[in-house]
Protein backbone atom coordinates (compact mmCIF):
# COMPACT_ATOMS: atom_id res chain seq x y z
CA MET A 1 -0.02 0.28 0.14
CA LEU A 2 1.11 3.38 -1.00
CA PRO A 3 2.08 5.78 1.92
CA ALA A 4 -0.15 8.97 2.18
CA SER A 5 2.30 11.20 0.13
CA LEU A 6 2.25 9.09 -2.77
CA ARG A 7 -1.39 7.60 -3.03
CA PRO A 8 -2.57 9.43 -5.92
CA LEU A 9 0.18 7.93 -7.99
CA GLY A 10 -2.07 4.68 -7.87
CA SER A 11 -4.48 6.48 -9.95
CA ARG A 12 -4.14 5.85 -13.35
CA ASN A 13 -5.21 9.39 -14.62
CA PHE A 14 -3.16 11.10 -12.26
CA ALA A 15 -0.19 8.89 -12.83
CA LEU A 16 -0.17 9.52 -16.86
CA LEU A 17 -0.72 13.36 -16.37
CA TRP A 18 1.97 13.65 -13.64
CA SER A 19 4.69 11.76 -15.72
CA ALA A 20 3.97 13.57 -18.58
CA ALA A 21 4.09 16.83 -16.68
CA PHE A 22 7.36 15.76 -15.15
CA VAL A 23 9.10 15.65 -18.47
CA SER A 24 7.71 18.87 -19.69
CA ASN A 25 8.76 20.67 -16.47
CA VAL A 26 12.27 19.31 -17.02
CA GLY A 27 12.29 21.00 -20.18
CA THR A 28 10.71 24.09 -18.98
CA TRP A 29 13.83 24.26 -16.38
CA VAL A 30 16.25 23.77 -18.92
CA GLN A 31 14.75 26.68 -20.59
CA SER A 32 14.19 28.97 -17.88
CA VAL A 33 18.16 28.53 -16.70
CA ALA A 34 19.20 29.16 -20.44
CA LEU A 35 17.24 32.23 -20.42
CA GLY A 36 18.28 33.41 -16.98
CA VAL A 37 21.96 32.94 -17.72
CA PHE A 38 21.95 34.30 -21.40
CA VAL A 39 20.15 37.68 -20.27
CA THR A 40 22.60 37.77 -17.28
CA ALA A 41 25.77 37.11 -19.44
CA ARG A 42 24.67 39.67 -21.64
CA THR A 43 23.69 42.48 -19.74
CA HIS A 44 25.29 42.01 -15.91
CA GLN A 45 22.07 43.79 -14.85
CA PRO A 46 19.89 41.99 -12.55
CA VAL A 47 16.78 43.77 -13.72
CA TRP A 48 16.90 41.94 -17.19
CA THR A 49 17.02 38.66 -14.70
CA GLY A 50 14.07 39.75 -13.42
CA LEU A 51 12.47 41.04 -16.47
CA VAL A 52 12.77 37.32 -18.42
CA ALA A 53 11.28 35.74 -15.38
CA ALA A 54 8.68 38.29 -15.19
CA ALA A 55 7.71 38.07 -18.92
CA ALA A 56 7.17 34.12 -18.54
CA PHE A 57 5.12 34.38 -15.50
CA LEU A 58 3.31 37.42 -15.71
CA PRO A 59 0.61 36.12 -17.92
CA ASN A 60 0.04 33.66 -15.28
CA GLY A 61 -1.61 36.71 -13.35
CA LEU A 62 -2.93 38.89 -16.11
CA LEU A 63 -4.98 35.69 -18.13
CA ALA A 64 -5.29 33.48 -15.36
CA PRO A 65 -9.00 34.78 -14.66
CA LEU A 66 -9.70 34.19 -18.34
CA GLY A 67 -8.17 30.74 -18.24
CA GLY A 68 -10.44 29.74 -14.72
CA ALA A 69 -13.46 31.06 -16.85
CA LEU A 70 -12.61 28.95 -20.07
CA ALA A 71 -11.59 25.81 -17.62
CA ASP A 72 -15.32 26.21 -16.06
CA ARG A 73 -16.92 26.42 -19.71
CA LEU A 74 -14.74 24.25 -22.12
CA ASP A 75 -13.63 20.59 -22.10
CA ARG A 76 -10.61 20.77 -19.61
CA ARG A 77 -8.66 17.94 -21.15
CA ARG A 78 -9.07 19.59 -24.97
CA TRP A 79 -8.32 23.06 -23.98
CA LEU A 80 -5.02 22.18 -22.05
CA MET A 81 -3.81 20.11 -25.25
CA VAL A 82 -4.28 23.43 -27.44
CA THR A 83 -2.38 25.78 -24.83
CA THR A 84 0.07 23.15 -24.63
CA ALA A 85 0.77 22.80 -28.39
CA GLY A 86 1.12 27.00 -28.10
CA GLU A 87 4.06 26.72 -25.29
CA MET A 88 5.75 24.21 -28.06
CA ALA A 89 5.54 26.35 -30.76
CA MET A 90 7.04 29.28 -28.75
CA ALA A 91 10.22 26.93 -27.14
CA ALA A 92 10.82 26.23 -30.83
CA LEU A 93 11.02 29.54 -31.88
CA LEU A 94 13.56 30.33 -29.34
CA ALA A 95 15.89 27.44 -30.41
CA VAL A 96 15.39 28.66 -34.17
CA MET A 97 16.67 32.11 -33.21
CA ALA A 98 19.14 30.80 -31.05
CA ALA A 99 20.32 28.49 -33.94
CA THR A 100 20.45 31.45 -36.27
CA GLY A 101 22.03 33.99 -34.27
CA THR A 102 19.18 36.32 -34.01
CA ILE A 103 18.27 36.11 -30.41
CA THR A 104 18.91 39.22 -28.11
CA PRO A 105 17.43 39.88 -24.61
CA PRO A 106 14.65 42.10 -25.66
CA LEU A 107 13.42 39.26 -28.31
CA ALA A 108 14.06 36.53 -25.30
CA VAL A 109 11.58 38.52 -23.18
CA VAL A 110 8.86 38.82 -25.89
CA VAL A 111 9.11 34.83 -26.73
CA ALA A 112 9.03 33.96 -23.17
CA PHE A 113 6.05 36.09 -22.59
CA LEU A 114 3.87 34.65 -25.31
CA GLY A 115 4.86 31.26 -24.33
CA GLY A 116 3.65 32.14 -20.70
CA CYS A 117 0.46 33.75 -22.46
CA ALA A 118 -0.19 30.02 -23.87
CA GLY A 119 0.52 28.08 -20.38
CA ALA A 120 -1.49 31.09 -18.22
CA VAL A 121 -4.85 30.12 -20.18
CA GLY A 122 -4.40 26.47 -19.68
CA PHE A 123 -3.35 26.02 -16.32
CA PRO A 124 -6.24 26.50 -14.33
CA ALA A 125 -7.55 23.81 -16.32
CA TYR A 126 -5.25 21.54 -15.34
CA GLN A 127 -5.59 22.69 -11.65
CA ALA A 128 -9.23 22.62 -11.83
CA MET A 129 -8.91 18.85 -12.96
CA LEU A 130 -6.92 17.34 -10.13
CA PRO A 131 -9.81 16.45 -7.99
CA ASP A 132 -11.16 14.45 -11.16
CA LEU A 133 -7.78 12.77 -11.54
CA VAL A 134 -7.46 11.19 -7.49
CA GLU A 135 -10.26 8.87 -6.34
CA HIS A 136 -10.73 10.18 -3.05
CA ARG A 137 -10.85 13.70 -1.50
CA GLU A 138 -8.41 13.22 1.34
CA ASP A 139 -5.71 12.70 -1.50
CA LEU A 140 -5.95 16.15 -2.86
CA LEU A 141 -3.37 17.59 -0.73
CA ALA A 142 -1.04 14.87 -1.74
CA ALA A 143 -2.03 15.53 -5.19
CA VAL A 144 -1.36 18.98 -5.08
CA SER A 145 1.87 18.44 -3.43
CA LEU A 146 2.86 15.74 -6.00
CA SER A 147 2.12 18.30 -8.80
CA SER A 148 4.13 20.78 -7.28
CA ALA A 149 7.14 17.95 -6.74
CA GLN A 150 7.15 17.18 -10.30
CA PHE A 151 7.77 20.72 -11.29
CA ASN A 152 10.48 20.99 -8.59
CA LEU A 153 11.82 17.56 -9.42
CA GLY A 154 12.17 19.02 -12.93
CA ARG A 155 14.03 21.75 -11.29
CA VAL A 156 16.58 19.12 -10.17
CA VAL A 157 17.20 17.40 -13.61
CA GLY A 158 16.45 20.61 -15.83
CA PRO A 159 19.54 22.73 -14.39
CA ALA A 160 21.70 19.52 -14.86
CA LEU A 161 20.88 19.36 -18.43
CA ALA A 162 20.96 23.08 -18.79
CA GLY A 163 24.37 22.87 -17.35
CA VAL A 164 25.76 20.24 -19.86
CA ALA A 165 23.87 22.20 -22.84
CA LEU A 166 25.15 25.85 -22.09
CA GLY A 167 28.83 23.93 -21.16
CA LEU A 168 29.02 22.89 -24.63
CA GLY A 169 27.91 26.49 -25.70
CA SER A 170 24.33 25.78 -27.02
CA TYR A 171 21.54 27.67 -26.08
CA THR A 172 19.29 25.97 -29.26
CA ALA A 173 19.91 22.69 -27.70
CA ALA A 174 18.43 23.79 -24.30
CA PHE A 175 15.51 25.49 -25.98
CA ALA A 176 14.76 22.54 -28.41
CA LEU A 177 14.94 20.25 -25.55
CA ASN A 178 11.96 21.95 -24.03
CA ALA A 179 10.05 22.25 -27.31
CA VAL A 180 10.12 18.21 -27.50
CA SER A 181 9.11 17.70 -23.92
CA PHE A 182 5.70 19.39 -24.39
CA ALA A 183 4.67 16.18 -26.57
CA ALA A 184 4.75 14.10 -23.58
CA VAL A 185 1.83 15.87 -22.25
CA LEU A 186 0.11 16.02 -25.45
CA VAL A 187 0.33 11.87 -25.34
CA ALA A 188 -0.79 11.70 -21.71
CA LEU A 189 -3.90 14.21 -22.33
CA ALA A 190 -4.64 12.01 -25.49
CA LEU A 191 -4.93 8.87 -22.93
CA VAL A 192 -6.57 10.47 -19.82
CA VAL A 193 -10.06 9.71 -19.30
CA ILE A 194 -12.19 12.19 -16.84
CA PRO A 195 -15.60 12.98 -16.31
CA PRO A 196 -17.49 15.40 -19.02
CA PRO A 197 -17.78 18.96 -18.40
CA ALA A 198 -20.33 19.65 -15.86
CA PRO A 199 -23.37 21.27 -17.96
CA LEU A 200 -23.03 25.15 -18.47
CA GLN A 201 -24.56 27.30 -15.71
CA GLY A 202 -24.66 30.90 -14.79
CA PRO A 203 -24.05 34.03 -17.04
CA PRO A 204 -22.71 32.92 -20.48
CA ARG A 205 -20.39 35.76 -20.91
CA LEU A 206 -16.90 35.44 -19.90
CA LEU A 207 -16.69 38.90 -17.57
CA ARG A 208 -19.87 38.04 -15.96
CA ARG A 209 -18.58 34.55 -15.07
CA ILE A 210 -15.05 35.99 -14.21
CA ALA A 211 -17.11 38.36 -11.73
CA GLU A 212 -19.04 35.41 -10.25
CA GLY A 213 -16.14 33.60 -9.42
CA ALA A 214 -14.84 36.67 -7.50
CA ARG A 215 -17.89 37.17 -5.59
CA ALA A 216 -17.47 33.23 -4.76
CA ALA A 217 -14.23 33.71 -3.64
CA ALA A 218 -15.05 36.98 -1.54
CA ARG A 219 -17.60 35.05 0.39
CA GLU A 220 -15.40 32.11 1.59
CA PRO A 221 -13.17 32.78 4.13
CA GLY A 222 -10.76 30.20 3.41
CA CYS A 223 -10.41 31.28 -0.35
CA ARG A 224 -10.29 35.20 0.55
CA SER A 225 -7.49 34.47 2.86
CA ALA A 226 -5.18 32.17 0.84
CA ILE A 227 -5.38 34.61 -2.32
CA ALA A 228 -4.55 37.67 -0.37
CA LEU A 229 -1.95 35.78 1.47
CA ILE A 230 -0.35 34.51 -1.58
CA GLY A 231 -0.33 37.83 -3.07
CA VAL A 232 2.12 39.03 -0.21
CA VAL A 233 4.33 36.25 -0.38
CA ALA A 234 4.53 36.98 -4.26
CA LEU A 235 5.50 40.45 -3.63
CA LEU A 236 8.35 40.07 -0.89
CA ALA A 237 9.39 36.33 -1.35
CA SER A 238 8.69 34.66 -4.38
CA PRO A 239 11.24 37.13 -6.17
CA PHE A 240 14.02 35.11 -5.02
CA ILE A 241 13.24 32.57 -7.59
CA ALA A 242 13.86 34.99 -10.46
CA LEU A 243 17.07 36.56 -8.83
CA VAL A 244 18.73 33.29 -8.38
CA PRO A 245 21.32 33.69 -11.50
CA ALA A 246 22.06 37.05 -10.30
CA MET A 247 22.97 35.64 -6.99
CA ALA A 248 25.33 33.01 -8.42
CA ILE A 249 26.81 35.31 -11.03
CA ASP A 250 27.05 38.47 -9.58
CA ALA A 251 26.82 38.13 -5.76
CA LEU A 252 28.66 34.86 -5.18
CA GLY A 253 31.17 36.33 -7.97
CA LEU A 254 31.18 33.30 -10.11
CA GLY A 255 30.52 35.47 -13.73
CA GLY A 256 28.98 34.70 -16.29
CA GLY A 257 30.92 31.89 -18.02
CA HIS A 258 30.98 28.36 -17.11
CA ARG A 259 31.38 28.82 -13.33
CA GLY A 260 28.19 31.11 -13.30
CA SER A 261 26.24 28.46 -15.25
CA VAL A 262 26.99 25.89 -12.68
CA GLY A 263 26.44 27.61 -9.91
CA THR A 264 23.10 28.78 -10.90
CA ALA A 265 22.28 25.21 -11.84
CA VAL A 266 23.43 24.19 -8.15
CA LEU A 267 21.27 26.51 -6.74
CA VAL A 268 18.19 25.80 -8.83
CA THR A 269 18.76 22.20 -8.03
CA ALA A 270 18.97 22.92 -4.27
CA GLN A 271 15.77 24.57 -4.14
CA GLY A 272 14.03 21.78 -6.28
CA LEU A 273 15.47 19.17 -3.91
CA GLY A 274 13.93 20.88 -1.08
CA ALA A 275 10.72 21.21 -2.44
CA VAL A 276 10.66 17.32 -3.55
CA LEU A 277 11.45 16.44 0.18
CA ALA A 278 8.72 18.97 1.13
CA ALA A 279 6.24 16.89 -1.16
CA LEU A 280 6.86 13.80 0.39
CA VAL A 281 6.88 14.94 4.16
CA LEU A 282 4.13 17.36 3.75
CA PRO A 283 0.90 15.29 3.32
CA GLY A 284 1.73 13.25 6.61
CA LEU A 285 2.41 15.94 8.43
CA ALA A 286 -0.71 17.68 7.57
CA ARG A 287 -2.73 14.58 8.61
CA ARG A 288 -1.21 14.65 11.95
CA TYR A 289 -1.18 18.35 12.89
CA GLY A 290 -3.99 19.51 10.80
CA ARG A 291 -3.64 21.57 7.24
CA GLY A 292 -4.02 24.84 8.79
CA ARG A 293 -1.10 24.70 11.27
CA GLN A 294 1.16 23.15 8.55
CA VAL A 295 0.53 26.30 6.06
CA VAL A 296 0.71 28.72 9.03
CA THR A 297 4.18 27.47 10.34
CA ALA A 298 5.55 27.47 6.73
CA LEU A 299 4.27 31.00 6.24
CA LEU A 300 6.13 32.06 9.47
CA VAL A 301 9.52 30.05 8.83
CA LEU A 302 9.76 31.59 5.34
CA PRO A 303 11.15 34.92 6.11
CA ALA A 304 13.76 33.52 8.45
CA VAL A 305 14.96 30.79 5.85
CA LEU A 306 15.06 33.84 3.25
CA VAL A 307 17.53 35.79 5.53
CA LEU A 308 19.89 32.76 5.83
CA TYR A 309 20.23 32.24 2.03
CA ALA A 310 20.50 36.16 1.34
CA LEU A 311 23.45 35.97 4.06
CA ALA A 312 25.19 32.70 3.12
CA PRO A 313 28.93 33.63 2.10
CA THR A 314 29.56 30.82 -0.27
CA LEU A 315 27.75 28.67 -3.13
CA TRP A 316 27.32 25.67 -1.20
CA TRP A 317 26.24 27.45 2.10
CA SER A 318 23.76 29.44 -0.41
CA ALA A 319 22.67 25.79 -1.71
CA VAL A 320 22.00 24.44 1.54
CA ALA A 321 20.17 27.58 2.80
CA LEU A 322 18.24 27.35 -0.45
CA PHE A 323 17.25 23.76 0.15
CA LEU A 324 15.56 25.14 3.20
CA VAL A 325 13.61 27.94 1.44
CA GLY A 326 12.72 25.19 -1.31
CA PHE A 327 11.26 23.00 1.23
CA THR A 328 9.41 25.82 3.27
CA TYR A 329 8.51 27.89 0.09
CA LEU A 330 6.61 24.55 -1.37
CA GLY A 331 4.52 24.21 2.07
CA VAL A 332 3.22 27.55 1.69
CA LEU A 333 2.18 27.38 -1.82
CA SER A 334 0.72 23.93 -1.82
CA GLY A 335 -0.78 24.59 1.40
CA LEU A 336 -2.50 27.61 -0.07
CA ASN A 337 -3.40 25.99 -3.23
CA THR A 338 -5.15 23.02 -1.46
CA VAL A 339 -7.29 25.55 0.92
CA VAL A 340 -8.68 27.03 -2.71
CA GLN A 341 -9.20 23.31 -4.19
CA LEU A 342 -11.08 22.27 -1.34
CA ARG A 343 -13.18 25.25 -0.36
CA ALA A 344 -14.07 26.47 -3.78
CA PRO A 345 -17.42 25.44 -4.98
CA GLU A 346 -17.14 22.80 -7.92
CA ALA A 347 -19.12 24.96 -10.32
CA VAL A 348 -16.69 27.99 -10.03
CA ARG A 349 -13.80 26.24 -8.82
CA GLY A 350 -11.65 26.76 -12.10
CA ARG A 351 -12.57 30.55 -11.58
CA VAL A 352 -11.31 30.75 -8.13
CA LEU A 353 -8.03 28.71 -9.20
CA GLY A 354 -8.04 31.41 -11.57
CA LEU A 355 -8.04 34.28 -9.19
CA PHE A 356 -5.56 32.53 -6.91
CA MET A 357 -3.01 32.62 -9.89
CA LEU A 358 -3.73 36.17 -10.56
CA SER A 359 -2.68 37.18 -7.29
CA LEU A 360 0.37 34.96 -7.33
CA GLY A 361 0.90 35.75 -11.26
CA THR A 362 0.36 39.46 -11.53
CA ILE A 363 2.18 40.46 -8.20
CA TYR A 364 5.46 38.03 -8.29
CA PRO A 365 6.60 39.56 -11.84
CA ILE A 366 5.90 43.09 -10.02
CA GLY A 367 8.33 41.93 -7.25
CA ALA A 368 11.00 40.17 -9.70
CA VAL A 369 11.49 43.20 -11.48
CA VAL A 370 11.18 45.93 -8.42
CA GLN A 371 13.65 43.87 -6.45
CA GLY A 372 15.89 43.17 -9.52
CA ALA A 373 16.18 46.71 -10.16
CA ILE A 374 16.66 47.61 -6.39
CA GLY A 375 19.29 44.53 -6.36
CA GLY A 376 21.14 46.22 -9.15
CA GLN A 377 21.68 49.54 -6.77
CA VAL A 378 22.32 47.54 -3.31
CA GLY A 379 23.16 44.23 -4.25
CA VAL A 380 20.75 41.27 -4.62
CA ARG A 381 21.78 39.85 -1.06
CA ALA A 382 20.50 43.06 0.49
CA VAL A 383 17.06 43.13 -1.27
CA THR A 384 16.39 39.67 -0.50
CA ALA A 385 17.19 39.91 3.12
CA SER A 386 15.05 43.15 3.45
CA ALA A 387 12.11 41.85 1.68
CA ALA A 388 12.08 38.77 4.00
CA VAL A 389 12.26 40.90 7.22
CA LEU A 390 9.41 43.15 5.77
CA LEU A 391 7.49 39.87 5.11
CA ALA A 392 7.75 38.90 8.74
CA VAL A 393 6.83 42.05 9.58
CA VAL A 394 3.59 42.11 7.59
CA LEU A 395 2.85 38.22 8.55
CA ILE A 396 3.11 39.26 12.25
CA GLY A 397 0.83 42.46 11.56
CA VAL A 398 -1.90 40.24 10.11
CA ALA A 399 -1.80 38.15 13.09
CA VAL A 400 -2.05 41.00 15.52
CA VAL A 401 -4.20 43.12 13.87
CA GLY A 402 -6.77 40.63 12.29
CA ARG A 403 -6.67 38.85 15.69
CA GLY A 404 -5.48 35.58 13.55
CA ARG A 405 -8.71 35.53 11.56
CA ALA A 406 -6.82 35.02 8.26
CA PHE A 407 -4.81 32.00 9.74
CA THR A 408 -7.89 30.39 11.36
CA ALA A 409 -9.76 30.30 8.01
CA LEU A 410 -6.86 28.38 6.45
CA GLY A 411 -7.47 25.79 8.93
CA THR A 412 -11.15 25.26 8.25
CA VAL A 413 -10.87 22.71 5.39
């Protein structure tokens, strides 16, 4: 019998899509590391590192409500196939530009943005499909954690492959690998069998349907708290992800050559390993201590481990600290996501999840660009540590001023 953290893999549908998503995410991380190294090595400006990360992620916020409305209206499986094909096309375009020598930092940002748009309108469909992929409701936290784990497991394997490709001096290979990896998702979606879409209910117009989802989220205390808290985390904590190349190349002094590429890969891999371990441990902790206590603890610990990362003096100490950050950050992300999954009414689940992604996806890129710009003036270490301290102050303020109501709402699932 599988342990609680792995039980969703006993479901054929979940195992198929999880495995395919892992292959795709390996490719995504190969491309993400390659783009980060490319713009940082060309410009030596942290703001460009933040820009290329923001370009890929910003559409998740801007278009997530639209994607959520479409996820509640269309056949989720078929819609996800269409958007996956769009992401494949953008990765292939990057490979062609790299092969022909026409790629530049501005072009890389534009194509990353277009690929992000394709993924953004499809991701709420994937999120909304999760409850249909597992057999038991109590396995949903494990399913969300495993979905985050395969993304972060890709973070372990992908940077290593990116390091090989970049060590050979080939951005083309890195981008082409990502394009090919999307084929695994298309095959899995063709084989997955899920219940047909629920009959269309509520207003037919997209804007009205999005507004209906917003009202449902505002009425539900758990959803409301999760959406607000992920926005705070996205602004103050999440930008560390975008600034990893700047930390390795500039703050740690590894330079924009091979040592910088390897250093970036080491740090990204360390974060991924921490997240993978968290995915294996969190479902058991949540069962023992409660989902609410687990996510609140992760929220309060996150600022402390971010300060450790910011102050780490060497690459290997930075890797250890980032391992802890990866573990804690996944606890926050998967915990808040699970609250929304469980508390949102099924008829509007896609739209409420779209609002969750709106909060994360619009605020994280803003934070990445702002912290990248400030980091260019005062240093990446200083901006990461300062943002972590401010996050701790905000969370303490939420607990004191709100008398803990926002945190309590997270536990009522």
